[in-house]
Amino acid sequence: LFANCPGQAPPAGITSGGQFPGNVIPSCMINPNAAALLKAGIFPGPTTNIANGVGTFVGGANAPTNLREEVVRIDHNFSSKFSVFGHYIAEQVTQSFATSQWSGDNVPTVGDTFGNPSRSGVIHTTYAISPTLLNEAAFNYNGNVINIVPYAATGLTSLALPSGYVSANSRLFTGPNNLTRIPNIDLSGGTGAQFEISSWPWHNKADDYQIRDDISLTKGAHQLKFGGSWAIYKKVQDLFGQTQGGFTFNKDLTAGSAACPANTTCGNSFASFLLGAPVSYQELAVQDHGYWNNVSWAAYVQDNWRVNNRLTLNLGLRWDGVPHTYEANNRMGNFYPRLYDPAKAATFNNNNSICGPTDTAATGCPGGASPGLGTSPNSILAGVPLYLNGIGIPGQNGVPMGLVNNHWAAFGPRLGFAYDLSGGGKTVVRGGFGIMYERIQGNDMYNAGPNIPFSLQVSLNNVEMTNPSLSLSTGT
């Protein structure tokens, strides 16, 4: 806090836990990175000509949406028995957001564009094998891309680190940081200002393919239908995370040590920002991307049985094969208690962090270096010791694809009825029962991407803004 003050000592009148003289922070204590970000304009200045309120920003911006769609459809009857139809749809949606979407950003100095081109196609054939036997076959495709690109908006000329920003030690990892982006700055509490570029730029591509065949057979009072399908959903998606880092500031550091008077608020998150004293810091080592696959099989049989003129029963059974989402290259990990070896329990140093490979009693680790340490197969994390005791990777040590075992006995009955109460068709009671199956929603798996050992997201508390690896409480 006093690195830029004369003699690196507290200015006159500054006491630990006390109020700044005149309630003004000495200029030598203003963090250079905070000053550089404010000068660049990450937070908008107050709006002029405001009738009520001092130092208030009020503003707005357009958020246009552009949509274009093309549709082509062809129907052709080759004969009275055989017909084909097909269609292709291409759609382009582009939206502009005045504040960064899918984040906590609430200042109009950073926005983004959301591009979402999509397309779909179907080829469907129908063949009447006989008057009572019909076969339908189809190929379906759906695909879309999401591209989110951030841009500097109101009052900000660039998202790159501004002039005067001390960047030598401002990140924990050396991995790529698109555009050398400004870190996220969140001012919590009453200030409530959040500048967030978030994970952008960001890319997502999804392709869904399905083949199915259905056969219908009429035999007496029975209308039978049976068939099956196979589908694969392939998705390439960037990880969510802040490779540029993200600082959160609250009022605690500037609240003082004295009791806060009743009905007042002591401390200010903006003052903590000026001092370069965040309460927490997060950084993702590398914004990797996963190649995710969902494969599905299904088979069914159904009988619509007209028992008599008043009662029809719907009887069916369906099987769904819905194995878990998996990463095509097995680049994911998770903790498994069965893989944990108590003999390799971690040792901790005096500040409760895990002892590294070179730590000894002299460096604060009475138990020496932790056993169970390993490294990442990701080159960006080369040399970073990771505690991997109990960590499982698909394809190793009996860990299945998708990290969990699949269950294949997914049989779902279908029972239904329609009963004509009067026999005249005026009042019909209908009912049904069925069991359906579905896999866990995809984002639950995609969000496992930052897990070690392939990536690493670090959270630190009470660090120094120009050097997040430096603790304010210990100075190391």
Foldseek 3Di string as FASTA:
>chain_A
DQPQPVVSDDPPPDDQLDADVVNDDPPSLFDLLLVQVVVLPLAPWDDPPDPDDDGHHDDDDDKDKDKDKDKDKDKDDPDPFKIKIKMKMKMKIKIKFQFDPPDLADGSQKIKMKIKIKMKMKIKMWGPPDPFKIKIKMKIKIKMKIWIAMAGGDSHHAQARGPRAQAPFQADFDEDAVNNGDAWEAWDDPVGHTRDPWQPRWMKIKMKIKIWMKMWGDDVQKIKIKIKMKMKMKMKTWATWHQSKYFYFYFVSQQGDDDDDPPDGGGGRVVCSRSQWGQKMKHKRYRHIFTKMWIKMKIKMWIFGDPDLFKTKIKMKMFMFTFAIFTPVQQFKDFDPVQADPVQDFFAFPVGDTADQQDDVVNRTPPHHGGQWDAAPAPSGPPPIDRCRRMDTDPPPPQHGNRDDGDGPRMKIKIKMWGDPPSPPPDIDIDIDMDDDDYDDDVVSRNRNCPPDHIHMDMDGGAGNSRRVAHPVPRD
